[in-house]
Amino acid sequence: MSAIQRTILEKKAALAETISAPLGSLAERAAAVWPDADAIDRTLLDGMPTIPSCHLLYAWGLDGIELSSMVRPSGPDTSWRGRDLSQRPYLKNHLPFKGIMLSSVYGSIYTNRQCITALQAVTRGETANAPSMARGPRLDPAGDTLLGFIAADFALDDLLRDSKISSAETRWTQYRGDPAVRGTVFMQTRTTSLLDQHIDTVHDSFYQLMTEHGVFHCKIHYSSGRCSLWLYDDPYSYRIHNVDEIINPDICLAYPVHVYPAKARVRPEQIRKVLDEFKQLRFADDTLYLRSSSINIMNATVGLTFSCDGSHYMSVEEFLEKDLAFWLGVRKTGT
């Protein structure tokens, strides 16, 4: 499981744990007045303060038709009663017989906000008193009658207001490229580019820019002869340079001197080693060769894209542990 998948599951689990008890209690109170729409509205409005971050509550039957109003903190909106909700994104999943189920993130057509919906099953223990439904009453494994569902909407901007971003993952990840490119890779030959002719000067310039002028991320496109860079003091913009600009020794005048970032996870001497490895991979083979590369000193990640259009991302440490023979072996498989 990737780091981003773990983060998503953790956030959903935390939400489910927070709302499970109050939403379950609300469903019990709603079951007692089901299917009286006005009584359900009052029950949902009274229960809304017990469900943290919830901005909308509504109830619907087994036929997918909204039974209640759209209940907001300001009061019920009766205009949506009787609306068919069967095509809503969360109804594409298996619905819960008991407890809650969380939807994926989707855009609400009612609020025009990104949100997550928690579905809470509404059940009644005395099956003989269960009202008739369009689809007929359904029994859960314990014998209770499933009456319908309460939906609680949570807007993402409310849920994530105090959330912190998770750390970026730097494990080795490989992506296969365009099959059309991979299929013709052995019909092509590397053409010496202008950047290839000045590769040492280009690498020297980037070493100086990264160690003394606040560049924390750079990407070098060897075949097309362009370079892009991101600055520590201006991370929301990036600069693009052609070969003539990057090999000009005066380029350093365009970028203020900057102390090497204390938060950098890559040592200056490692930058030099990475650039040297880039050169080796660029010229190692005339058919399977490095087309573009990148290095980020803040998250210690290296990116590589080869002529077969396959890409690799890994930590600087892992990249420097691998020798040329490793990459030649991998690239001969077409990956």
Protein backbone atom coordinates (compact mmCIF):
# COMPACT_ATOMS: atom_id res chain seq x y z
CA MET A 1 0.00 0.00 0.00
CA SER A 2 1.36 3.40 -0.98
CA ALA A 3 1.74 6.34 1.41
CA ILE A 4 -1.10 8.24 -0.26
CA GLN A 5 -3.41 5.23 0.07
CA ARG A 6 -2.54 4.94 3.78
CA THR A 7 -3.24 8.64 4.27
CA ILE A 8 -6.66 8.37 2.62
CA LEU A 9 -7.63 5.32 4.68
CA GLU A 10 -6.45 6.96 7.90
CA LYS A 11 -8.50 10.11 7.26
CA LYS A 12 -11.60 8.11 6.41
CA ALA A 13 -11.14 5.87 9.45
CA ALA A 14 -10.80 8.93 11.70
CA LEU A 15 -14.01 10.42 10.27
CA ALA A 16 -15.90 7.14 10.65
CA GLU A 17 -14.77 6.77 14.27
CA THR A 18 -15.89 10.32 15.10
CA ILE A 19 -19.37 10.14 13.58
CA SER A 20 -20.31 6.48 13.98
CA ALA A 21 -21.90 6.74 17.45
CA PRO A 22 -23.86 10.00 16.99
CA LEU A 23 -25.06 9.02 13.52
CA GLY A 24 -26.15 5.61 14.80
CA SER A 25 -28.06 7.26 17.63
CA LEU A 26 -29.69 9.63 15.16
CA ALA A 27 -30.78 6.68 13.00
CA GLU A 28 -32.47 5.06 16.00
CA ARG A 29 -34.48 8.23 16.66
CA ALA A 30 -35.35 8.56 12.96
CA ALA A 31 -36.56 4.93 12.84
CA ALA A 32 -39.07 5.72 15.59
CA VAL A 33 -40.82 8.31 13.40
CA TRP A 34 -40.21 6.74 9.96
CA PRO A 35 -41.66 7.50 7.37
CA ASP A 36 -43.16 10.79 8.67
CA ALA A 37 -41.15 13.34 6.63
CA ASP A 38 -41.84 16.31 8.92
CA ALA A 39 -40.92 14.31 12.01
CA ILE A 40 -37.74 13.06 10.33
CA ASP A 41 -36.81 16.66 9.48
CA ARG A 42 -37.17 17.67 13.13
CA THR A 43 -35.15 14.66 14.26
CA LEU A 44 -32.32 15.41 11.82
CA LEU A 45 -32.25 19.10 12.73
CA ASP A 46 -32.09 18.29 16.45
CA GLY A 47 -29.32 15.75 15.86
CA MET A 48 -27.13 17.80 13.53
CA PRO A 49 -25.11 19.51 16.34
CA THR A 50 -24.03 16.06 17.59
CA ILE A 51 -22.27 15.23 14.30
CA PRO A 52 -19.01 17.21 13.97
CA SER A 53 -18.41 19.07 10.67
CA CYS A 54 -21.69 17.88 9.13
CA HIS A 55 -23.35 20.56 7.00
CA LEU A 56 -26.24 18.58 5.49
CA LEU A 57 -28.51 15.71 6.59
CA TYR A 58 -31.24 13.97 4.64
CA ALA A 59 -33.07 10.63 4.57
CA TRP A 60 -34.23 8.43 1.73
CA GLY A 61 -36.01 5.14 1.28
CA LEU A 62 -34.98 1.88 -0.28
CA ASP A 63 -36.34 3.07 -3.62
CA GLY A 64 -33.70 5.84 -3.72
CA ILE A 65 -36.33 8.61 -3.34
CA GLU A 66 -35.56 11.35 -0.85
CA LEU A 67 -38.01 11.15 2.02
CA SER A 68 -36.92 14.09 4.14
CA SER A 69 -35.93 17.64 3.32
CA MET A 70 -32.35 18.75 2.87
CA VAL A 71 -31.71 19.62 6.51
CA ARG A 72 -29.14 22.35 7.02
CA PRO A 73 -28.05 24.09 10.24
CA SER A 74 -30.30 26.98 9.18
CA GLY A 75 -33.30 24.68 8.76
CA PRO A 76 -34.94 22.23 6.30
CA ASP A 77 -35.14 22.86 2.56
CA THR A 78 -38.31 21.03 1.52
CA SER A 79 -37.77 21.57 -2.22
CA TRP A 80 -35.81 18.33 -2.56
CA ARG A 81 -38.40 16.02 -1.02
CA GLY A 82 -39.32 13.27 -3.47
CA ARG A 83 -36.19 13.69 -5.56
CA ASP A 84 -34.67 10.53 -7.06
CA LEU A 85 -31.19 10.08 -5.53
CA SER A 86 -30.57 6.65 -7.03
CA GLN A 87 -27.91 7.99 -9.44
CA ARG A 88 -25.83 9.67 -6.78
CA PRO A 89 -22.16 8.53 -6.72
CA TYR A 90 -22.37 6.83 -3.33
CA LEU A 91 -25.24 4.59 -4.47
CA LYS A 92 -22.95 2.85 -6.95
CA ASN A 93 -21.40 0.96 -4.02
CA HIS A 94 -22.93 -1.74 -1.85
CA LEU A 95 -25.15 -0.10 0.74
CA PRO A 96 -24.80 -0.97 4.42
CA PHE A 97 -27.39 -3.09 6.21
CA LYS A 98 -26.03 -1.76 9.48
CA GLY A 99 -23.67 0.96 10.59
CA ILE A 100 -22.14 3.51 8.25
CA MET A 101 -20.41 3.57 4.89
CA LEU A 102 -18.31 6.45 3.58
CA SER A 103 -18.47 7.48 -0.06
CA SER A 104 -15.57 8.59 -2.20
CA VAL A 105 -15.09 12.32 -2.72
CA TYR A 106 -17.54 13.78 -5.22
CA GLY A 107 -18.98 17.14 -6.25
CA SER A 108 -22.33 17.87 -4.60
CA ILE A 109 -24.93 19.21 -7.02
CA TYR A 110 -26.79 20.69 -4.05
CA THR A 111 -23.96 22.71 -2.48
CA ASN A 112 -21.45 22.81 -5.36
CA ARG A 113 -18.76 21.72 -2.90
CA GLN A 114 -16.49 18.70 -2.82
CA CYS A 115 -17.76 16.43 -0.12
CA ILE A 116 -17.89 12.96 1.40
CA THR A 117 -21.20 11.36 2.33
CA ALA A 118 -21.63 9.02 5.27
CA LEU A 119 -24.53 6.59 4.81
CA GLN A 120 -26.18 5.28 7.96
CA ALA A 121 -28.64 2.40 7.74
CA VAL A 122 -31.97 3.00 9.46
CA THR A 123 -33.47 -0.23 10.81
CA ARG A 124 -36.40 -1.27 12.96
CA GLY A 125 -36.36 -4.39 15.09
CA GLU A 126 -40.09 -5.14 14.99
CA THR A 127 -40.48 -6.34 11.41
CA ALA A 128 -44.23 -6.65 11.69
CA ASN A 129 -44.58 -2.88 12.03
CA ALA A 130 -42.28 -2.05 9.16
CA PRO A 131 -43.90 0.16 6.49
CA SER A 132 -44.23 -1.02 2.92
CA MET A 133 -41.46 0.12 0.55
CA ALA A 134 -41.35 0.29 -3.24
CA ARG A 135 -38.71 -2.41 -3.27
CA GLY A 136 -40.21 -4.23 -0.33
CA PRO A 137 -38.74 -4.49 3.18
CA ARG A 138 -35.26 -5.94 3.42
CA LEU A 139 -33.95 -7.87 6.38
CA ASP A 140 -30.40 -7.60 7.63
CA PRO A 141 -28.60 -10.73 8.90
CA ALA A 142 -29.88 -10.05 12.44
CA GLY A 143 -33.51 -10.01 11.30
CA ASP A 144 -34.11 -6.26 11.58
CA THR A 145 -36.01 -4.48 8.83
CA LEU A 146 -34.00 -2.03 6.77
CA LEU A 147 -36.17 1.06 6.35
CA GLY A 148 -33.81 3.33 4.45
CA PHE A 149 -30.79 5.51 5.03
CA ILE A 150 -29.66 8.77 6.55
CA ALA A 151 -27.03 10.61 4.55
CA ALA A 152 -24.65 13.03 6.26
CA ASP A 153 -22.59 15.28 3.99
CA PHE A 154 -19.17 16.60 5.01
CA ALA A 155 -17.52 19.30 2.91
CA LEU A 156 -13.81 18.75 2.30
CA ASP A 157 -12.91 22.34 3.11
CA ASP A 158 -14.44 21.81 6.57
CA LEU A 159 -12.88 18.40 7.15
CA LEU A 160 -9.38 19.42 6.04
CA ARG A 161 -9.23 22.91 7.53
CA ASP A 162 -6.73 21.90 10.23
CA SER A 163 -5.23 18.99 8.31
CA LYS A 164 -1.50 18.72 7.66
CA ILE A 165 0.03 17.45 4.45
CA SER A 166 1.71 14.07 4.67
CA SER A 167 5.36 13.57 3.82
CA ALA A 168 6.21 12.77 0.22
CA GLU A 169 7.13 9.18 -0.54
CA THR A 170 10.55 8.50 -2.09
CA ARG A 171 10.54 4.75 -2.68
CA TRP A 172 11.51 3.49 -6.11
CA THR A 173 8.55 3.68 -8.48
CA GLN A 174 8.58 2.63 -12.12
CA TYR A 175 6.12 3.66 -14.84
CA ARG A 176 5.94 2.13 -18.28
CA GLY A 177 5.74 4.62 -21.12
CA ASP A 178 3.70 4.94 -24.28
CA PRO A 179 3.43 1.48 -25.94
CA ALA A 180 3.84 3.12 -29.35
CA VAL A 181 7.22 4.50 -28.25
CA ARG A 182 8.34 1.27 -26.59
CA GLY A 183 7.41 -0.72 -29.69
CA THR A 184 9.73 1.29 -31.93
CA VAL A 185 12.58 1.95 -29.52
CA PHE A 186 15.02 -0.35 -31.34
CA MET A 187 14.34 1.47 -34.60
CA GLN A 188 15.76 4.72 -33.25
CA THR A 189 19.26 5.98 -32.50
CA ARG A 190 20.27 8.74 -30.14
CA THR A 191 21.05 11.96 -31.96
CA THR A 192 23.67 14.16 -30.35
CA SER A 193 21.90 17.28 -29.14
CA LEU A 194 23.33 20.72 -28.44
CA LEU A 195 23.00 19.98 -24.74
CA ASP A 196 24.97 16.75 -25.20
CA GLN A 197 27.81 18.78 -26.70
CA HIS A 198 27.92 20.96 -23.57
CA ILE A 199 26.78 18.44 -20.98
CA ASP A 200 29.66 19.05 -18.56
CA THR A 201 29.10 22.81 -18.62
CA VAL A 202 25.35 22.34 -18.14
CA HIS A 203 25.91 20.06 -15.16
CA ASP A 204 28.47 22.46 -13.69
CA SER A 205 25.98 25.32 -13.98
CA PHE A 206 23.27 23.34 -12.23
CA TYR A 207 25.67 22.29 -9.49
CA GLN A 208 26.47 25.95 -8.81
CA LEU A 209 22.82 27.01 -8.99
CA MET A 210 21.72 24.27 -6.59
CA THR A 211 24.52 24.69 -4.06
CA GLU A 212 24.89 28.48 -4.04
CA HIS A 213 21.83 30.12 -5.63
CA GLY A 214 18.77 28.53 -4.05
CA VAL A 215 17.68 26.11 -6.79
CA PHE A 216 16.12 23.11 -5.04
CA HIS A 217 14.70 21.22 -8.05
CA CYS A 218 15.93 21.00 -11.62
CA LYS A 219 14.93 19.00 -14.67
CA ILE A 220 17.22 18.52 -17.65
CA HIS A 221 15.79 17.57 -21.06
CA TYR A 222 18.85 16.25 -22.87
CA SER A 223 17.21 15.48 -26.20
CA SER A 224 15.32 18.75 -26.64
CA GLY A 225 18.00 20.93 -25.05
CA ARG A 226 16.04 22.73 -22.36
CA CYS A 227 16.27 22.95 -18.61
CA SER A 228 13.75 23.98 -15.96
CA LEU A 229 14.41 24.93 -12.37
CA TRP A 230 12.56 25.86 -9.18
CA LEU A 231 13.85 28.30 -6.57
CA TYR A 232 13.67 27.86 -2.79
CA ASP A 233 12.51 31.49 -2.39
CA ASP A 234 9.97 31.31 -5.24
CA PRO A 235 8.67 27.72 -5.33
CA TYR A 236 5.40 28.50 -7.10
CA SER A 237 7.07 29.49 -10.35
CA TYR A 238 9.60 27.72 -12.53
CA ARG A 239 12.16 29.03 -14.99
CA ILE A 240 12.99 27.52 -18.36
CA HIS A 241 16.39 27.98 -20.01
CA ASN A 242 17.76 26.90 -23.34
CA VAL A 243 21.27 25.56 -23.73
CA ASP A 244 22.83 28.91 -24.64
CA GLU A 245 21.46 30.47 -21.45
CA ILE A 246 22.44 27.65 -19.12
CA ILE A 247 26.03 27.39 -20.37
CA ASN A 248 26.56 31.14 -20.05
CA PRO A 249 28.72 31.59 -16.93
CA ASP A 250 26.89 34.85 -16.22
CA ILE A 251 23.62 33.01 -15.59
CA CYS A 252 24.44 33.02 -11.89
CA LEU A 253 24.00 36.81 -11.94
CA ALA A 254 20.29 36.24 -12.59
CA TYR A 255 19.83 34.35 -9.32
CA PRO A 256 20.76 35.82 -5.91
CA VAL A 257 23.26 33.99 -3.75
CA HIS A 258 21.45 31.72 -1.30
CA VAL A 259 22.78 29.70 1.62
CA TYR A 260 22.35 25.98 1.02
CA PRO A 261 19.00 25.07 2.64
CA ALA A 262 19.33 23.57 6.10
CA LYS A 263 16.27 21.40 5.37
CA ALA A 264 17.82 19.87 2.24
CA ARG A 265 18.04 16.09 2.41
CA VAL A 266 20.79 15.87 -0.20
CA ARG A 267 24.39 16.82 0.51
CA PRO A 268 26.19 19.02 -2.06
CA GLU A 269 28.67 16.27 -2.88
CA GLN A 270 25.77 13.94 -3.69
CA ILE A 271 24.46 16.42 -6.26
CA ARG A 272 27.75 16.13 -8.14
CA LYS A 273 27.61 12.34 -8.04
CA VAL A 274 24.01 12.32 -9.30
CA LEU A 275 24.88 14.59 -12.22
CA ASP A 276 27.83 12.37 -13.11
CA GLU A 277 25.51 9.35 -13.15
CA PHE A 278 23.09 11.23 -15.40
CA LYS A 279 25.91 11.70 -17.89
CA GLN A 280 26.79 8.02 -17.79
CA LEU A 281 23.19 7.03 -18.47
CA ARG A 282 22.88 9.55 -21.29
CA PHE A 283 25.82 8.13 -23.25
CA ALA A 284 25.74 4.47 -22.15
CA ASP A 285 23.87 3.25 -25.23
CA ASP A 286 22.82 4.77 -28.55
CA THR A 287 19.41 3.09 -28.53
CA LEU A 288 18.38 2.91 -24.89
CA TYR A 289 19.48 6.13 -23.24
CA LEU A 290 18.47 8.76 -20.72
CA ARG A 291 16.15 11.32 -22.29
CA SER A 292 15.49 13.55 -19.29
CA SER A 293 16.33 13.61 -15.60
CA SER A 294 15.53 15.55 -12.46
CA ILE A 295 16.79 15.96 -8.92
CA ASN A 296 15.10 17.53 -5.91
CA ILE A 297 17.31 18.25 -2.92
CA MET A 298 14.40 18.87 -0.54
CA ASN A 299 12.72 15.48 -0.82
CA ALA A 300 15.88 13.71 -2.04
CA THR A 301 14.21 12.32 -5.16
CA VAL A 302 15.66 11.55 -8.58
CA GLY A 303 13.53 11.17 -11.71
CA LEU A 304 14.65 9.41 -14.90
CA THR A 305 12.93 9.05 -18.26
CA PHE A 306 14.53 6.82 -20.90
CA SER A 307 14.22 6.65 -24.67
CA CYS A 308 11.69 3.82 -24.32
CA ASP A 309 9.50 6.37 -22.49
CA GLY A 310 9.78 4.40 -19.24
CA SER A 311 10.22 6.50 -16.10
CA HIS A 312 11.73 5.82 -12.68
CA TYR A 313 11.53 7.77 -9.43
CA MET A 314 13.62 6.93 -6.39
CA SER A 315 15.62 8.40 -3.55
CA VAL A 316 19.04 9.87 -4.20
CA GLU A 317 20.59 7.28 -1.88
CA GLU A 318 19.03 4.39 -3.79
CA PHE A 319 19.98 5.88 -7.15
CA LEU A 320 23.64 6.23 -6.14
CA GLU A 321 23.74 2.64 -4.91
CA LYS A 322 22.97 1.34 -8.42
CA ASP A 323 25.78 1.07 -10.94
CA LEU A 324 25.63 1.37 -14.71
CA ALA A 325 25.37 -2.40 -15.16
CA PHE A 326 22.11 -2.39 -13.23
CA TRP A 327 20.54 0.19 -15.53
CA LEU A 328 21.80 -1.49 -18.68
CA GLY A 329 20.25 -4.71 -17.51
CA VAL A 330 16.93 -3.08 -16.70
CA ARG A 331 16.81 -1.11 -19.91
CA LYS A 332 17.53 -4.13 -22.08
CA THR A 333 14.17 -5.52 -20.93
CA GLY A 334 12.42 -2.51 -22.42
CA THR A 335 11.30 -1.16 -19.00
